[in-house]
Amino acid sequence: MATYSYGYEWRQIPQYEPDPKTVCNFCKQVTAEDKMIAGPGVNICTECVELCNEIFADKRTEYRNKAIKDIAQTLCTVEETLTVERAIALAGGVFDAGYRKDNPA
C-alpha cells in the first residue's frame, strides 16, 4: 500500500476493493456483473461455468464408453455368434435407450 506525505501528516492511499458481486468464487477473477451467475452467497463467472460443463461432458463420455463396453461384454457372453463391432453397436443402442447395467430397472 502506497503512502505519501502531505505537510506533517502521512496518509495512506485507499486500496481498491472490488464489489463482491463481480468476483468469481471459483477463479477470483473480477468480471462484469452481467457475466456472472449468482446464487445464495456464490458468484460464478461464465468462463468457470463453461469449464465445468466441459468437465461434465468428459465424465459423461467416459461413463458412456465404459458402460457400453460392459454391456457389449455381457452380450458377447450370452450370444457367442456376435462380432465385437456388432456387440458394441447393439450396446450403444441399448445404452442410448436408457438401460444402465448398474440400474437395470
N, C-alpha and C. Protein backbone atom coordinates (compact mmCIF):
# COMPACT_ATOMS: atom_id res chain seq x y z
N MET A 1 0.84 -1.16 0.00
CA MET A 1 0.00 0.00 0.00
C MET A 1 0.90 1.23 0.00
N ALA A 2 0.64 2.15 -0.89
CA ALA A 2 1.47 3.34 -1.02
C ALA A 2 1.05 4.39 0.01
N THR A 3 2.04 5.10 0.47
CA THR A 3 1.77 6.23 1.37
C THR A 3 2.44 7.47 0.79
N TYR A 4 1.93 8.60 1.17
CA TYR A 4 2.54 9.84 0.72
C TYR A 4 2.48 10.85 1.85
N SER A 5 3.35 11.83 1.76
CA SER A 5 3.43 12.83 2.81
C SER A 5 2.77 14.11 2.32
N TYR A 6 1.95 14.66 3.15
CA TYR A 6 1.31 15.93 2.84
C TYR A 6 1.50 16.82 4.06
N GLY A 7 2.45 17.67 3.97
CA GLY A 7 2.74 18.51 5.13
C GLY A 7 3.36 17.68 6.23
N TYR A 8 2.73 17.69 7.37
CA TYR A 8 3.26 16.98 8.53
C TYR A 8 2.64 15.61 8.76
N GLU A 9 1.55 15.32 8.09
CA GLU A 9 0.88 14.04 8.36
C GLU A 9 1.02 13.07 7.19
N TRP A 10 1.08 11.80 7.50
CA TRP A 10 1.16 10.74 6.50
C TRP A 10 -0.23 10.20 6.25
N ARG A 11 -0.53 10.00 4.99
CA ARG A 11 -1.84 9.45 4.63
C ARG A 11 -1.64 8.21 3.77
N GLN A 12 -2.53 7.28 3.92
CA GLN A 12 -2.46 6.09 3.09
C GLN A 12 -3.44 6.24 1.93
N ILE A 13 -2.98 5.77 0.77
CA ILE A 13 -3.86 5.77 -0.40
C ILE A 13 -4.80 4.58 -0.24
N PRO A 14 -6.09 4.82 -0.34
CA PRO A 14 -7.03 3.71 -0.16
C PRO A 14 -6.83 2.63 -1.22
N GLN A 15 -6.93 1.39 -0.79
CA GLN A 15 -6.76 0.26 -1.69
C GLN A 15 -8.10 -0.05 -2.35
N TYR A 16 -8.04 -0.45 -3.63
CA TYR A 16 -9.24 -0.77 -4.39
C TYR A 16 -9.84 -2.08 -3.89
N GLU A 17 -11.09 -2.07 -3.53
CA GLU A 17 -11.83 -3.27 -3.12
C GLU A 17 -12.94 -3.50 -4.14
N PRO A 18 -12.86 -4.59 -4.92
CA PRO A 18 -13.91 -4.84 -5.91
C PRO A 18 -15.23 -5.21 -5.24
N ASP A 19 -16.31 -4.92 -5.94
CA ASP A 19 -17.64 -5.29 -5.47
C ASP A 19 -17.73 -6.81 -5.41
N PRO A 20 -18.13 -7.39 -4.28
CA PRO A 20 -18.21 -8.85 -4.18
C PRO A 20 -19.12 -9.49 -5.23
N LYS A 21 -20.04 -8.72 -5.79
CA LYS A 21 -20.93 -9.26 -6.83
C LYS A 21 -20.21 -9.47 -8.15
N THR A 22 -19.00 -8.90 -8.28
CA THR A 22 -18.27 -9.02 -9.55
C THR A 22 -17.04 -9.93 -9.44
N VAL A 23 -16.89 -10.64 -8.33
CA VAL A 23 -15.74 -11.53 -8.13
C VAL A 23 -16.22 -12.98 -8.18
N CYS A 24 -15.60 -13.77 -9.05
CA CYS A 24 -15.94 -15.18 -9.17
C CYS A 24 -15.39 -15.93 -7.96
N ASN A 25 -16.23 -16.74 -7.32
CA ASN A 25 -15.81 -17.50 -6.16
C ASN A 25 -14.92 -18.69 -6.52
N PHE A 26 -14.86 -19.06 -7.79
CA PHE A 26 -14.02 -20.18 -8.22
C PHE A 26 -12.61 -19.69 -8.57
N CYS A 27 -12.51 -18.73 -9.50
CA CYS A 27 -11.20 -18.30 -10.00
C CYS A 27 -10.75 -16.96 -9.44
N LYS A 28 -11.60 -16.29 -8.68
CA LYS A 28 -11.30 -14.99 -8.06
C LYS A 28 -11.10 -13.87 -9.07
N GLN A 29 -11.54 -14.08 -10.30
CA GLN A 29 -11.41 -13.07 -11.35
C GLN A 29 -12.52 -12.03 -11.19
N VAL A 30 -12.19 -10.76 -11.40
CA VAL A 30 -13.18 -9.70 -11.38
C VAL A 30 -13.79 -9.61 -12.77
N THR A 31 -15.10 -9.74 -12.86
CA THR A 31 -15.82 -9.79 -14.13
C THR A 31 -17.04 -8.90 -14.03
N ALA A 32 -17.54 -8.49 -15.17
CA ALA A 32 -18.77 -7.69 -15.20
C ALA A 32 -19.91 -8.49 -14.57
N GLU A 33 -20.78 -7.79 -13.89
CA GLU A 33 -21.88 -8.45 -13.17
C GLU A 33 -22.81 -9.22 -14.10
N ASP A 34 -22.96 -8.76 -15.36
CA ASP A 34 -23.84 -9.46 -16.29
C ASP A 34 -23.21 -10.74 -16.84
N LYS A 35 -21.93 -10.97 -16.56
CA LYS A 35 -21.26 -12.21 -16.99
C LYS A 35 -21.07 -13.16 -15.81
N MET A 36 -21.88 -12.99 -14.78
CA MET A 36 -21.81 -13.83 -13.59
C MET A 36 -23.13 -14.54 -13.39
N ILE A 37 -23.05 -15.73 -12.83
CA ILE A 37 -24.25 -16.45 -12.38
C ILE A 37 -24.23 -16.35 -10.87
N ALA A 38 -25.26 -15.74 -10.32
CA ALA A 38 -25.31 -15.50 -8.88
C ALA A 38 -26.22 -16.51 -8.20
N GLY A 39 -25.75 -16.98 -7.08
CA GLY A 39 -26.54 -17.87 -6.24
C GLY A 39 -26.51 -17.33 -4.83
N PRO A 40 -27.07 -18.07 -3.88
CA PRO A 40 -27.04 -17.59 -2.50
C PRO A 40 -25.61 -17.57 -1.95
N GLY A 41 -25.00 -16.41 -1.95
CA GLY A 41 -23.65 -16.24 -1.43
C GLY A 41 -22.54 -16.71 -2.37
N VAL A 42 -22.88 -17.02 -3.62
CA VAL A 42 -21.90 -17.53 -4.58
C VAL A 42 -22.07 -16.83 -5.92
N ASN A 43 -20.95 -16.46 -6.53
CA ASN A 43 -20.94 -15.91 -7.88
C ASN A 43 -19.96 -16.72 -8.72
N ILE A 44 -20.39 -17.14 -9.90
CA ILE A 44 -19.54 -17.93 -10.79
C ILE A 44 -19.52 -17.25 -12.15
N CYS A 45 -18.32 -17.03 -12.68
CA CYS A 45 -18.21 -16.38 -13.99
C CYS A 45 -18.52 -17.38 -15.10
N THR A 46 -18.85 -16.87 -16.27
CA THR A 46 -19.23 -17.74 -17.39
C THR A 46 -18.07 -18.62 -17.83
N GLU A 47 -16.83 -18.16 -17.68
CA GLU A 47 -15.67 -18.99 -18.04
C GLU A 47 -15.60 -20.23 -17.16
N CYS A 48 -15.84 -20.08 -15.87
CA CYS A 48 -15.81 -21.23 -14.96
C CYS A 48 -16.98 -22.17 -15.23
N VAL A 49 -18.14 -21.61 -15.58
CA VAL A 49 -19.30 -22.44 -15.92
C VAL A 49 -18.99 -23.27 -17.16
N GLU A 50 -18.39 -22.64 -18.17
CA GLU A 50 -18.02 -23.37 -19.40
C GLU A 50 -17.00 -24.46 -19.11
N LEU A 51 -16.03 -24.18 -18.25
CA LEU A 51 -15.04 -25.18 -17.88
C LEU A 51 -15.71 -26.36 -17.16
N CYS A 52 -16.63 -26.07 -16.25
CA CYS A 52 -17.35 -27.14 -15.54
C CYS A 52 -18.18 -27.96 -16.52
N ASN A 53 -18.82 -27.32 -17.48
CA ASN A 53 -19.60 -28.06 -18.48
C ASN A 53 -18.71 -28.98 -19.31
N GLU A 54 -17.50 -28.53 -19.66
CA GLU A 54 -16.56 -29.38 -20.39
C GLU A 54 -16.15 -30.59 -19.55
N ILE A 55 -15.90 -30.36 -18.26
CA ILE A 55 -15.53 -31.46 -17.37
C ILE A 55 -16.66 -32.47 -17.27
N PHE A 56 -17.90 -31.98 -17.10
CA PHE A 56 -19.06 -32.88 -17.03
C PHE A 56 -19.22 -33.67 -18.33
N ALA A 57 -19.03 -33.02 -19.46
CA ALA A 57 -19.16 -33.71 -20.75
C ALA A 57 -18.12 -34.81 -20.88
N ASP A 58 -16.89 -34.53 -20.46
CA ASP A 58 -15.84 -35.55 -20.50
C ASP A 58 -16.18 -36.73 -19.60
N LYS A 59 -16.69 -36.43 -18.40
CA LYS A 59 -17.06 -37.50 -17.46
C LYS A 59 -18.19 -38.35 -18.03
N ARG A 60 -19.19 -37.69 -18.64
CA ARG A 60 -20.31 -38.43 -19.24
C ARG A 60 -19.82 -39.35 -20.36
N THR A 61 -18.91 -38.84 -21.18
CA THR A 61 -18.36 -39.64 -22.28
C THR A 61 -17.60 -40.85 -21.74
N GLU A 62 -16.78 -40.64 -20.71
CA GLU A 62 -16.05 -41.75 -20.10
C GLU A 62 -17.01 -42.80 -19.56
N TYR A 63 -18.05 -42.34 -18.85
CA TYR A 63 -19.04 -43.26 -18.27
C TYR A 63 -19.76 -44.03 -19.38
N ARG A 64 -20.15 -43.31 -20.44
CA ARG A 64 -20.87 -43.95 -21.55
C ARG A 64 -20.00 -45.02 -22.20
N ASN A 65 -18.76 -44.70 -22.49
CA ASN A 65 -17.86 -45.66 -23.14
C ASN A 65 -17.63 -46.90 -22.28
N LYS A 66 -17.46 -46.70 -20.97
CA LYS A 66 -17.25 -47.83 -20.06
C LYS A 66 -18.51 -48.68 -19.98
N ALA A 67 -19.67 -48.03 -19.88
CA ALA A 67 -20.93 -48.78 -19.79
C ALA A 67 -21.18 -49.57 -21.06
N ILE A 68 -20.92 -48.97 -22.22
CA ILE A 68 -21.12 -49.68 -23.49
C ILE A 68 -20.18 -50.88 -23.58
N LYS A 69 -18.95 -50.71 -23.13
CA LYS A 69 -18.01 -51.84 -23.14
C LYS A 69 -18.52 -52.98 -22.25
N ASP A 70 -19.02 -52.64 -21.06
CA ASP A 70 -19.54 -53.66 -20.14
C ASP A 70 -20.76 -54.36 -20.72
N ILE A 71 -21.67 -53.60 -21.32
CA ILE A 71 -22.87 -54.19 -21.92
C ILE A 71 -22.48 -55.08 -23.09
N ALA A 72 -21.53 -54.63 -23.91
CA ALA A 72 -21.08 -55.42 -25.06
C ALA A 72 -20.45 -56.73 -24.60
N GLN A 73 -19.69 -56.69 -23.50
CA GLN A 73 -19.10 -57.92 -22.96
C GLN A 73 -20.20 -58.90 -22.54
N THR A 74 -21.23 -58.39 -21.89
CA THR A 74 -22.34 -59.24 -21.47
C THR A 74 -23.04 -59.83 -22.69
N LEU A 75 -23.26 -59.01 -23.71
CA LEU A 75 -23.92 -59.51 -24.92
C LEU A 75 -23.08 -60.59 -25.60
N CYS A 76 -21.77 -60.41 -25.65
CA CYS A 76 -20.89 -61.41 -26.27
C CYS A 76 -20.88 -62.71 -25.47
N THR A 77 -21.01 -62.60 -24.16
CA THR A 77 -21.04 -63.79 -23.32
C THR A 77 -22.32 -64.57 -23.55
N VAL A 78 -23.44 -63.86 -23.69
CA VAL A 78 -24.74 -64.50 -23.88
C VAL A 78 -24.87 -65.04 -25.30
N GLU A 79 -24.50 -64.25 -26.27
CA GLU A 79 -24.64 -64.63 -27.69
C GLU A 79 -23.26 -64.73 -28.31
N GLU A 80 -22.73 -65.92 -28.41
CA GLU A 80 -21.35 -66.13 -28.85
C GLU A 80 -21.14 -65.87 -30.34
N THR A 81 -22.21 -65.79 -31.12
CA THR A 81 -22.07 -65.55 -32.56
C THR A 81 -21.90 -64.07 -32.90
N LEU A 82 -22.07 -63.19 -31.93
CA LEU A 82 -21.93 -61.75 -32.17
C LEU A 82 -20.46 -61.38 -32.39
N THR A 83 -20.23 -60.50 -33.35
CA THR A 83 -18.89 -59.93 -33.50
C THR A 83 -18.75 -58.79 -32.50
N VAL A 84 -17.52 -58.41 -32.22
CA VAL A 84 -17.27 -57.34 -31.25
C VAL A 84 -17.89 -56.03 -31.73
N GLU A 85 -17.73 -55.72 -33.02
CA GLU A 85 -18.27 -54.48 -33.57
C GLU A 85 -19.80 -54.44 -33.44
N ARG A 86 -20.43 -55.56 -33.77
CA ARG A 86 -21.90 -55.64 -33.68
C ARG A 86 -22.36 -55.53 -32.23
N ALA A 87 -21.63 -56.17 -31.31
CA ALA A 87 -21.98 -56.10 -29.89
C ALA A 87 -21.86 -54.67 -29.37
N ILE A 88 -20.82 -53.96 -29.80
CA ILE A 88 -20.64 -52.57 -29.37
C ILE A 88 -21.76 -51.69 -29.94
N ALA A 89 -22.13 -51.93 -31.20
CA ALA A 89 -23.23 -51.16 -31.80
C ALA A 89 -24.53 -51.42 -31.06
N LEU A 90 -24.82 -52.68 -30.76
CA LEU A 90 -26.03 -53.01 -30.01
C LEU A 90 -25.99 -52.42 -28.60
N ALA A 91 -24.84 -52.51 -27.95
CA ALA A 91 -24.69 -51.97 -26.60
C ALA A 91 -24.90 -50.46 -26.59
N GLY A 92 -24.40 -49.77 -27.63
CA GLY A 92 -24.62 -48.33 -27.73
C GLY A 92 -26.10 -48.00 -27.85
N GLY A 93 -26.81 -48.77 -28.65
CA GLY A 93 -28.26 -48.55 -28.77
C GLY A 93 -28.99 -48.83 -27.48
N VAL A 94 -28.59 -49.90 -26.80
CA VAL A 94 -29.22 -50.24 -25.51
C VAL A 94 -28.94 -49.14 -24.49
N PHE A 95 -27.71 -48.65 -24.45
CA PHE A 95 -27.36 -47.57 -23.52
C PHE A 95 -28.14 -46.31 -23.83
N ASP A 96 -28.20 -45.94 -25.11
CA ASP A 96 -28.92 -44.73 -25.52
C ASP A 96 -30.41 -44.84 -25.25
N ALA A 97 -30.94 -46.06 -25.22
CA ALA A 97 -32.36 -46.27 -24.92
C ALA A 97 -32.66 -46.13 -23.43
N GLY A 98 -31.60 -46.06 -22.61
CA GLY A 98 -31.82 -45.81 -21.19
C GLY A 98 -31.38 -46.91 -20.26
N TYR A 99 -30.94 -48.04 -20.79
CA TYR A 99 -30.52 -49.13 -19.91
C TYR A 99 -29.17 -48.81 -19.28
N ARG A 100 -29.08 -49.05 -17.98
CA ARG A 100 -27.83 -48.92 -17.26
C ARG A 100 -27.60 -50.21 -16.52
N LYS A 101 -26.42 -50.78 -16.67
CA LYS A 101 -26.11 -52.07 -16.06
C LYS A 101 -26.23 -52.00 -14.54
N ASP A 102 -25.81 -50.87 -13.96
CA ASP A 102 -25.89 -50.72 -12.51
C ASP A 102 -27.30 -50.44 -12.03
N ASN A 103 -28.22 -50.10 -12.94
CA ASN A 103 -29.62 -49.84 -12.59
C ASN A 103 -30.50 -50.45 -13.66
N PRO A 104 -30.68 -51.78 -13.67
CA PRO A 104 -31.37 -52.45 -14.76
C PRO A 104 -32.88 -52.19 -14.82
N ALA A 105 -33.46 -51.57 -13.83
CA ALA A 105 -34.92 -51.37 -13.83
C ALA A 105 -35.37 -50.27 -14.73
